[in-house]
């Protein structure tokens, strides 16, 4: 009986090492078809999962409660499985070089509990060669087993889009690879158990690794182009969104938009590729240029905000600015590598007091990583500027009238009282458009309507 048959007949188990935004949904999906060990070194996270709480909000509490995943922080439980999926973060260091420590640590943990006949599949985004040149030697050294003889390896890059309920594990074609044809066949069959869209068999592990790292690099470069256009058109006094809408009428125009590029993928993965390229003697021109543009956009937004405030005759030192949204993308609690923090830090350099509103963000991670706290929307009053940074669904009830109230002395009282607020707040309509600075990064509101409502309006 081969490994795939043993999994299907539940004579062995699948393990997931790393239960974050990527690993946890994979574990839940496989648990519908097989016995699954969900392992993470974070005991607090495991406790939440066991109590039916999904801190990632990727599948929801009800799904976690009904799932058959065996959540554990006991690494010895990994011995019960023979098909292992490693899905741990691969961040970059402060100098933008790859930080493989989480992956190396996970490999050591797995190796201590690896049994003969196992297959190890890595899902973490890496540069070509990491699986075979970094992970395999660790697995062999720590386990005492021989790759190719006692165990096999494969690579299947994650493509889950955090916060996206449409593009999920089941609906995205899964790229799979293996160290040999037998391994590739087994890996493909196992993933086909849960991936309705099917699998694509890459010709080698390095090809699969490269395919993943260029997916996000391509997107990063395209967004960088849009950001550069935004800077240029802003200097020309031309609205970038209007330009893109006009250009978008051409059938083959790529519809990217400017924005702050953060998170654990797009803002990180290109550095893995350029790092490996430099090791081979090639120094990137396009990829790193795009990275520099995108990395500087938080500073650009902050500076643009300050310029609008100066134009409105605001005293910058001691000014109060509200920022709505601090996660790296909308409708997702993940704050890893969020560029909104760059906006906050830059404004603070000018002596600005920043208040952050985000009902979605993971508050513990936000404080642990950046020492940033959020406040309730009711606390937003007497502002000198408002920045709409992340268009969460929770902010869809915001109206221009509500935002006006945040500039006055009247306290905002919530969406349920919208009509009363609009009817009773003295918005100081005698002021000019530039007096209420509204920075709408993603264009949540119509530009002309905002200006007509009395705002000094700016967007990327």
Protein backbone atom coordinates (compact mmCIF):
# COMPACT_ATOMS: atom_id res chain seq x y z
CA UNK A 1 0.00 0.00 0.00
CA UNK A 2 1.48 3.36 -1.03
CA UNK A 3 1.48 6.52 1.08
CA UNK A 4 -1.47 8.10 -0.71
CA UNK A 5 -3.65 5.04 -0.08
CA UNK A 6 -2.61 5.00 3.57
CA UNK A 7 -3.66 8.65 3.92
CA UNK A 8 -7.02 8.09 2.26
CA UNK A 9 -7.70 5.00 4.39
CA UNK A 10 -6.55 6.95 7.48
CA UNK A 11 -3.81 4.48 8.28
CA UNK A 12 -1.41 7.41 8.60
CA UNK A 13 -1.79 11.14 9.07
CA UNK A 14 -0.97 14.46 7.46
CA UNK A 15 0.80 17.07 9.58
CA UNK A 16 0.77 20.85 9.16
CA UNK A 17 3.75 22.62 10.71
CA UNK A 18 2.82 26.28 11.15
CA UNK A 19 -0.82 27.25 11.72
CA UNK A 20 -0.95 30.83 10.55
CA UNK A 21 -2.91 32.50 7.76
CA UNK A 22 -1.68 29.84 5.31
CA UNK A 23 -1.20 26.65 7.32
CA UNK A 24 -4.43 26.70 9.28
CA UNK A 25 -6.81 26.80 6.27
CA UNK A 26 -4.79 23.97 4.70
CA UNK A 27 -5.09 21.88 7.85
CA UNK A 28 -8.84 22.46 8.02
CA UNK A 29 -9.28 21.54 4.36
CA UNK A 30 -7.32 18.28 4.64
CA UNK A 31 -9.11 17.35 7.87
CA UNK A 32 -12.27 16.88 5.81
CA UNK A 33 -10.57 14.03 3.93
CA UNK A 34 -7.84 12.72 6.22
CA UNK A 35 -6.54 12.62 9.79
CA UNK A 36 -4.56 15.81 10.39
CA UNK A 37 -2.10 16.91 13.07
CA UNK A 38 -2.00 20.72 13.27
CA UNK A 39 1.26 21.75 14.95
CA UNK A 40 2.45 25.18 16.02
CA UNK A 41 5.03 26.22 18.60
CA UNK A 42 2.74 29.04 19.76
CA UNK A 43 0.87 27.47 22.68
CA UNK A 44 -1.49 30.43 23.02
CA UNK A 45 -2.54 30.07 19.39
CA UNK A 46 -3.11 26.33 19.85
CA UNK A 47 -5.25 27.04 22.91
CA UNK A 48 -7.41 29.42 20.86
CA UNK A 49 -7.87 26.83 18.11
CA UNK A 50 -8.80 24.17 20.63
CA UNK A 51 -11.44 26.53 22.03
CA UNK A 52 -12.90 27.11 18.57
CA UNK A 53 -11.44 30.58 18.08
CA UNK A 54 -9.84 31.56 14.77
CA UNK A 55 -7.44 34.48 15.41
CA UNK A 56 -6.63 34.70 11.70
CA UNK A 57 -10.32 34.98 10.73
CA UNK A 58 -9.46 33.02 7.60
CA UNK A 59 -12.07 30.28 8.05
CA UNK A 60 -14.03 31.54 11.06
CA UNK A 61 -14.78 30.27 14.55
CA UNK A 62 -17.61 27.94 13.53
CA UNK A 63 -15.40 26.09 11.06
CA UNK A 64 -12.66 25.73 13.67
CA UNK A 65 -15.15 24.37 16.21
CA UNK A 66 -16.42 21.74 13.78
CA UNK A 67 -13.00 20.79 12.38
CA UNK A 68 -11.36 17.46 13.18
CA UNK A 69 -7.83 18.87 13.15
CA UNK A 70 -5.77 17.61 16.09
CA UNK A 71 -4.27 20.93 17.22
CA UNK A 72 -1.10 20.55 19.28
CA UNK A 73 2.12 22.21 20.36
CA UNK A 74 3.63 18.81 21.25
CA UNK A 75 6.17 18.13 18.51
CA UNK A 76 6.28 14.39 19.25
CA UNK A 77 2.77 14.12 17.78
CA UNK A 78 4.40 14.67 14.38
CA UNK A 79 5.61 11.07 14.54
CA UNK A 80 2.02 9.99 13.89
CA UNK A 81 2.16 11.48 10.37
CA UNK A 82 4.05 10.51 7.23
CA UNK A 83 2.99 13.38 4.96
CA UNK A 84 4.26 16.66 6.35
CA UNK A 85 3.46 20.16 5.09
CA UNK A 86 5.65 23.00 6.33
CA UNK A 87 3.95 26.40 6.11
CA UNK A 88 5.91 28.83 8.25
CA UNK A 89 6.67 32.50 7.49
CA UNK A 90 9.75 33.49 5.49
CA UNK A 91 10.31 37.17 6.34
CA UNK A 92 13.28 39.39 5.55
CA UNK A 93 15.75 40.98 7.96
CA UNK A 94 16.17 44.72 8.42
CA UNK A 95 18.73 44.73 5.62
CA UNK A 96 16.19 43.06 3.29
CA UNK A 97 18.05 39.75 3.16
CA UNK A 98 16.10 36.49 3.65
CA UNK A 99 15.39 35.44 7.22
CA UNK A 100 15.26 31.66 7.02
CA UNK A 101 15.30 31.12 10.79
CA UNK A 102 11.60 30.17 11.08
CA UNK A 103 11.99 27.68 8.23
CA UNK A 104 15.21 26.26 9.62
CA UNK A 105 13.66 25.92 13.08
CA UNK A 106 10.59 24.17 11.68
CA UNK A 107 12.83 21.81 9.71
CA UNK A 108 14.76 20.91 12.86
CA UNK A 109 11.58 20.31 14.82
CA UNK A 110 10.17 18.09 12.10
CA UNK A 111 13.45 16.23 11.65
CA UNK A 112 13.51 15.23 15.33
CA UNK A 113 10.21 13.46 14.74
CA UNK A 114 10.60 12.29 11.15
CA UNK A 115 9.94 8.63 10.41
CA UNK A 116 11.01 6.45 7.51
CA UNK A 117 8.77 6.48 4.45
CA UNK A 118 7.67 10.09 4.96
CA UNK A 119 7.26 12.88 2.42
CA UNK A 120 7.98 16.47 3.45
CA UNK A 121 6.42 19.25 1.38
CA UNK A 122 7.46 22.86 1.91
CA UNK A 123 5.00 25.65 1.16
CA UNK A 124 6.94 28.65 2.46
CA UNK A 125 8.00 31.18 -0.18
CA UNK A 126 11.74 30.91 -0.80
CA UNK A 127 14.34 31.55 -3.48
CA UNK A 128 15.15 28.65 -5.83
CA UNK A 129 17.32 26.08 -4.09
CA UNK A 130 16.26 26.53 -0.46
CA UNK A 131 14.32 23.26 -0.21
CA UNK A 132 17.16 21.08 -1.46
CA UNK A 133 20.16 23.13 -0.32
CA UNK A 134 19.00 24.40 3.08
CA UNK A 135 16.09 22.30 4.34
CA UNK A 136 17.18 18.82 3.23
CA UNK A 137 20.59 18.97 4.97
CA UNK A 138 18.83 20.02 8.20
CA UNK A 139 16.32 17.19 7.90
CA UNK A 140 19.11 14.67 7.32
CA UNK A 141 21.37 15.94 10.09
CA UNK A 142 18.71 16.16 12.79
CA UNK A 143 16.88 12.93 11.89
CA UNK A 144 19.80 10.72 10.97
CA UNK A 145 17.79 9.67 7.92
CA UNK A 146 18.84 9.88 4.26
CA UNK A 147 16.83 11.91 1.76
CA UNK A 148 15.85 9.84 -1.24
CA UNK A 149 16.24 6.63 0.71
CA UNK A 150 14.43 7.10 4.03
CA UNK A 151 12.27 10.09 3.15
CA UNK A 152 11.40 12.28 0.15
CA UNK A 153 10.77 16.01 -0.30
CA UNK A 154 8.55 18.18 -2.46
CA UNK A 155 7.57 21.81 -2.80
CA UNK A 156 4.13 23.31 -3.36
CA UNK A 157 4.00 27.11 -3.03
CA UNK A 158 1.12 28.60 -1.10
CA UNK A 159 -1.24 30.80 -3.10
CA UNK A 160 -3.82 31.60 -0.45
CA UNK A 161 -4.77 35.27 -0.43
CA UNK A 162 -5.44 36.33 3.21
CA UNK A 163 -8.82 37.98 3.65
CA UNK A 164 -9.99 36.87 0.20
CA UNK A 165 -13.05 34.65 0.39
CA UNK A 166 -13.11 34.00 -3.36
CA UNK A 167 -9.54 32.86 -4.07
CA UNK A 168 -9.08 30.03 -1.59
CA UNK A 169 -7.03 26.85 -1.41
CA UNK A 170 -9.82 24.90 -3.10
CA UNK A 171 -10.30 27.34 -5.99
CA UNK A 172 -6.69 28.11 -7.00
CA UNK A 173 -4.66 25.77 -9.19
CA UNK A 174 -1.96 24.27 -6.98
CA UNK A 175 1.59 24.07 -8.28
CA UNK A 176 3.25 20.88 -7.01
CA UNK A 177 6.71 19.41 -7.37
CA UNK A 178 8.74 16.49 -6.08
CA UNK A 179 12.33 15.28 -5.99
CA UNK A 180 11.41 12.40 -8.32
CA UNK A 181 8.45 11.19 -10.35
CA UNK A 182 7.12 8.93 -7.60
CA UNK A 183 7.17 11.75 -5.06
CA UNK A 184 5.59 14.17 -7.52
CA UNK A 185 2.78 11.73 -8.21
CA UNK A 186 2.05 11.23 -4.52
CA UNK A 187 2.18 14.96 -3.72
CA UNK A 188 -0.15 15.71 -6.63
CA UNK A 189 -2.68 13.06 -5.58
CA UNK A 190 -2.69 14.23 -1.95
CA UNK A 191 -3.34 17.86 -2.87
CA UNK A 192 -6.00 16.83 -5.37
CA UNK A 193 -7.99 15.59 -2.38
CA UNK A 194 -8.75 19.20 -1.44
CA UNK A 195 -7.92 21.41 -4.42
CA UNK A 196 -10.98 21.45 -6.67
CA UNK A 197 -9.20 23.60 -9.27
CA UNK A 198 -6.63 20.87 -9.81
CA UNK A 199 -2.84 20.79 -9.68
CA UNK A 200 -0.03 21.78 -12.03
CA UNK A 201 3.04 19.55 -11.96
CA UNK A 202 6.21 21.64 -12.15
CA UNK A 203 9.18 19.91 -13.71
CA UNK A 204 11.38 20.39 -10.65
CA UNK A 205 11.39 21.76 -7.11
CA UNK A 206 13.49 24.75 -8.18
CA UNK A 207 11.01 25.60 -10.94
CA UNK A 208 8.16 25.56 -8.42
CA UNK A 209 10.15 27.74 -6.01
CA UNK A 210 10.96 30.20 -8.79
CA UNK A 211 7.37 30.29 -10.03
CA UNK A 212 6.13 31.35 -6.61
CA UNK A 213 8.71 34.05 -6.03
CA UNK A 214 8.09 35.71 -9.41
CA UNK A 215 4.30 35.76 -8.98
CA UNK A 216 4.54 38.37 -6.26
CA UNK A 217 7.55 40.08 -7.82
CA UNK A 218 5.52 40.70 -10.98
CA UNK A 219 2.68 42.21 -8.99
CA UNK A 220 5.10 44.31 -6.96
CA UNK A 221 6.65 45.79 -10.10
CA UNK A 222 3.27 46.60 -11.63
CA UNK A 223 2.10 48.36 -8.47
CA UNK A 224 5.41 50.25 -8.31
CA UNK A 225 4.74 51.54 -11.83
CA UNK A 226 1.31 52.75 -10.74
CA UNK A 227 2.84 54.42 -7.68
CA UNK A 228 5.42 56.19 -9.79
CA UNK A 229 2.69 57.37 -12.14
CA UNK A 230 0.77 58.67 -9.13
CA UNK A 231 3.77 60.73 -8.02
CA UNK A 232 4.26 62.12 -11.53
CA UNK A 233 0.60 62.95 -12.13
CA UNK A 234 0.28 64.55 -8.70
CA UNK A 235 3.05 66.97 -9.68
CA UNK A 236 1.17 67.68 -12.91
CA UNK A 237 -2.10 68.29 -11.12
CA UNK A 238 -3.72 65.32 -12.87
CA UNK A 239 -5.90 62.80 -11.04
CA UNK A 240 -4.28 59.36 -11.34
CA UNK A 241 -7.53 57.45 -10.92
CA UNK A 242 -9.08 59.38 -13.81
CA UNK A 243 -6.06 58.59 -15.97
CA UNK A 244 -6.22 54.87 -15.16
CA UNK A 245 -9.95 54.73 -15.86
CA UNK A 246 -9.37 56.26 -19.29
CA UNK A 247 -6.40 54.02 -20.09
CA UNK A 248 -8.32 51.00 -18.80
CA UNK A 249 -10.72 51.16 -21.72
CA UNK A 250 -8.00 49.54 -23.86
CA UNK A 251 -8.47 45.76 -23.90
CA UNK A 252 -4.90 44.86 -22.94
CA UNK A 253 -4.22 47.56 -20.35
CA UNK A 254 -3.31 45.92 -17.02
CA UNK A 255 -5.64 47.27 -14.35
CA UNK A 256 -3.33 47.78 -11.40
CA UNK A 257 -3.76 50.69 -9.00
CA UNK A 258 -1.37 52.64 -6.77
CA UNK A 259 -1.19 51.80 -3.08
CA UNK A 260 0.89 50.88 -0.05
CA UNK A 261 2.49 47.48 -0.62
CA UNK A 262 2.95 45.59 2.66
CA UNK A 263 2.19 42.17 4.04
CA UNK A 264 4.21 39.00 4.15
CA UNK A 265 4.28 38.29 0.39
CA UNK A 266 4.41 41.08 -2.17
CA UNK A 267 6.57 43.36 -0.05
CA UNK A 268 8.95 40.53 0.90
CA UNK A 269 9.23 37.90 -1.84
CA UNK A 270 11.10 40.04 -4.41
CA UNK A 271 13.99 40.38 -1.96
CA UNK A 272 14.38 36.60 -1.90
CA UNK A 273 14.83 36.53 -5.66
CA UNK A 274 17.25 39.47 -5.80
CA UNK A 275 19.27 38.01 -2.91
CA UNK A 276 19.82 34.77 -4.79
CA UNK A 277 20.57 36.66 -8.00
CA UNK A 278 23.28 38.68 -6.23
CA UNK A 279 24.82 35.46 -4.96
CA UNK A 280 25.07 34.43 -8.62
CA UNK A 281 26.70 37.72 -9.56
CA UNK A 282 23.69 39.53 -11.01
CA UNK A 283 22.36 42.73 -9.50
CA UNK A 284 18.70 43.43 -10.14
CA UNK A 285 17.70 46.64 -11.86
CA UNK A 286 13.94 46.49 -12.37
CA UNK A 287 12.94 44.42 -9.31
CA UNK A 288 14.86 46.48 -6.75
CA UNK A 289 13.82 49.75 -8.36
CA UNK A 290 10.20 48.73 -7.94
CA UNK A 291 10.88 47.69 -4.35
CA UNK A 292 12.42 51.08 -3.54
CA UNK A 293 9.42 52.95 -4.93
CA UNK A 294 6.96 50.83 -2.97
CA UNK A 295 8.98 50.91 0.24
CA UNK A 296 9.03 54.73 0.11
CA UNK A 297 5.29 55.20 -0.44
CA UNK A 298 4.42 55.43 3.26
CA UNK A 299 6.79 58.38 3.59
CA UNK A 300 5.31 59.92 0.44
CA UNK A 301 1.76 59.69 1.79
CA UNK A 302 2.81 61.26 5.09
CA UNK A 303 4.64 64.09 3.36
CA UNK A 304 1.66 64.71 1.08
CA UNK A 305 -0.58 64.88 4.14
CA UNK A 306 1.68 67.43 5.80
CA UNK A 307 1.74 69.54 2.62
CA UNK A 308 -2.06 69.59 2.48
CA UNK A 309 -2.18 70.56 6.16
CA UNK A 310 0.31 73.40 5.62
CA UNK A 311 -1.81 74.64 2.73
CA UNK A 312 -4.78 74.63 5.11
CA UNK A 313 -2.77 76.81 7.54
CA UNK A 314 -2.57 74.04 10.12
CA UNK A 315 0.08 74.04 12.85
CA UNK A 316 1.95 70.80 12.12
CA UNK A 317 3.74 70.30 15.45
CA UNK A 318 1.00 69.12 17.78
CA UNK A 319 -1.56 68.54 15.04
CA UNK A 320 -3.99 65.62 15.37
CA UNK A 321 -4.44 63.14 12.53
CA UNK A 322 -6.77 60.14 12.45
CA UNK A 323 -5.86 57.09 10.40
CA UNK A 324 -8.59 54.60 9.48
CA UNK A 325 -7.11 51.16 8.88
CA UNK A 326 -3.67 49.86 9.83
CA UNK A 327 -3.57 46.30 8.45
CA UNK A 328 -1.59 45.54 5.32
CA UNK A 329 -4.80 45.00 3.32
CA UNK A 330 -8.53 45.37 3.67
CA UNK A 331 -10.72 42.93 5.63
CA UNK A 332 -7.72 41.06 7.03
CA UNK A 333 -6.39 41.30 10.63
CA UNK A 334 -2.78 40.71 9.54
CA UNK A 335 -0.47 43.63 10.38
CA UNK A 336 2.80 42.04 9.31
CA UNK A 337 4.94 44.46 7.32
CA UNK A 338 2.09 46.95 7.04
CA UNK A 339 3.17 50.18 5.38
CA UNK A 340 0.56 52.17 7.28
CA UNK A 341 3.02 52.11 10.16
CA UNK A 342 5.48 53.97 7.91
CA UNK A 343 2.87 56.71 7.54
CA UNK A 344 2.40 56.84 11.31
CA UNK A 345 6.13 57.00 12.04
CA UNK A 346 6.73 59.72 9.47
CA UNK A 347 3.89 61.87 10.80
CA UNK A 348 5.19 61.42 14.33
CA UNK A 349 8.57 62.74 13.14
CA UNK A 350 6.75 66.00 12.35
CA UNK A 351 5.33 66.10 15.88
CA UNK A 352 1.87 64.97 14.80
CA UNK A 353 -0.35 63.08 17.24
CA UNK A 354 -1.78 60.08 15.39
CA UNK A 355 -4.91 58.19 16.39
CA UNK A 356 -5.58 54.85 14.69
CA UNK A 357 -9.00 53.28 14.18
CA UNK A 358 -9.11 49.67 13.00
CA UNK A 359 -11.74 47.20 14.27
CA UNK A 360 -10.20 44.44 12.13
CA UNK A 361 -6.51 44.57 13.09
CA UNK A 362 -4.97 42.05 15.46
CA UNK A 363 -4.43 44.37 18.42
CA UNK A 364 -1.87 42.16 20.19
CA UNK A 365 0.32 41.81 17.09
CA UNK A 366 0.02 45.53 16.38
CA UNK A 367 1.31 46.41 19.82
CA UNK A 368 3.93 43.66 19.93
CA UNK A 369 5.40 44.52 16.52
CA UNK A 370 5.02 48.30 16.39
CA UNK A 371 3.89 49.57 19.83
CA UNK A 372 0.82 51.04 18.16
CA UNK A 373 -2.58 51.08 19.85
CA UNK A 374 -5.97 51.55 18.23
CA UNK A 375 -8.80 53.64 19.59
CA UNK A 376 -12.58 53.66 19.18
CA UNK A 377 -14.12 55.76 16.47
CA UNK A 378 -15.95 57.77 19.15
CA UNK A 379 -12.57 59.21 20.20
CA UNK A 380 -11.98 60.78 16.80
CA UNK A 381 -12.77 64.48 17.19
CA UNK A 382 -11.02 67.83 16.73
CA UNK A 383 -8.84 66.35 13.99
CA UNK A 384 -6.64 68.42 11.68
CA UNK A 385 -6.62 65.67 9.04
CA UNK A 386 -8.21 62.29 8.42
CA UNK A 387 -6.46 59.54 6.44
CA UNK A 388 -8.57 56.73 5.01
CA UNK A 389 -5.82 54.17 4.67
CA UNK A 390 -7.45 50.72 4.42
CA UNK A 391 -10.96 50.30 2.95
CA UNK A 392 -12.34 47.71 5.38
CA UNK A 393 -15.98 46.74 4.92
CA UNK A 394 -16.50 48.09 8.44
CA UNK A 395 -15.77 51.55 7.06
CA UNK A 396 -18.41 51.40 4.31
CA UNK A 397 -20.90 53.14 6.62
CA UNK A 398 -18.65 56.18 6.84
CA UNK A 399 -20.05 59.19 5.03
CA UNK A 400 -18.51 62.53 4.20
CA UNK A 401 -20.86 64.13 6.74
CA UNK A 402 -19.60 61.78 9.43
CA UNK A 403 -16.00 62.59 8.58
CA UNK A 404 -16.81 66.29 8.75
CA UNK A 405 -17.88 65.79 12.34
CA UNK A 406 -14.44 64.46 13.18
CA UNK A 407 -12.94 67.87 12.52
CA UNK A 408 -15.25 69.70 14.92
CA UNK A 409 -15.75 69.52 18.66
CA UNK A 410 -18.75 67.20 18.39
CA UNK A 411 -18.04 63.55 19.10
CA UNK A 412 -18.85 61.00 16.42
CA UNK A 413 -21.51 58.64 17.81
CA UNK A 414 -21.55 55.75 15.41
CA UNK A 415 -23.09 54.57 12.16
CA UNK A 416 -26.44 53.74 13.75
CA UNK A 417 -26.97 57.44 14.44
CA UNK A 418 -25.89 58.64 11.01
CA UNK A 419 -29.01 60.66 10.22
CA UNK A 420 -29.04 62.32 13.62
CA UNK A 421 -25.37 63.20 13.28
CA UNK A 422 -25.86 64.71 9.85
CA UNK A 423 -28.79 66.77 11.13
CA UNK A 424 -27.31 68.12 14.34
CA UNK A 425 -23.54 68.60 13.98
CA UNK A 426 -22.29 72.11 13.29
CA UNK A 427 -19.78 71.40 10.58
CA UNK A 428 -18.53 74.97 10.29
CA UNK A 429 -19.55 75.33 6.67
CA UNK A 430 -18.02 78.78 6.52
CA UNK A 431 -14.55 77.21 6.28
CA UNK A 432 -12.80 76.66 2.96
CA UNK A 433 -12.21 73.36 1.23
CA UNK A 434 -8.61 73.21 2.42
CA UNK A 435 -9.52 73.46 6.10
CA UNK A 436 -10.57 69.81 6.41
CA UNK A 437 -7.77 67.68 5.03
CA UNK A 438 -9.00 64.29 3.81
CA UNK A 439 -6.40 61.83 2.53
CA UNK A 440 -8.22 59.03 0.73
CA UNK A 441 -5.40 56.65 -0.21
CA UNK A 442 -7.50 54.08 -2.08
CA UNK A 443 -10.20 56.43 -3.35
CA UNK A 444 -13.13 55.36 -1.17
CA UNK A 445 -15.01 58.57 -1.99
CA UNK A 446 -15.77 60.46 -5.16
CA UNK A 447 -13.22 63.24 -5.52
CA UNK A 448 -15.65 65.92 -6.70
CA UNK A 449 -18.22 65.07 -4.05
CA UNK A 450 -15.53 65.33 -1.36
CA UNK A 451 -14.39 68.71 -2.61
CA UNK A 452 -17.97 69.95 -2.88
CA UNK A 453 -18.53 68.79 0.73
CA UNK A 454 -15.75 71.07 1.91
CA UNK A 455 -12.64 68.92 2.05
CA UNK A 456 -9.07 69.47 1.03
CA UNK A 457 -9.04 66.12 -0.74
CA UNK A 458 -6.02 64.07 -1.89
CA UNK A 459 -5.53 60.51 -3.05
CA UNK A 460 -2.86 58.40 -4.72
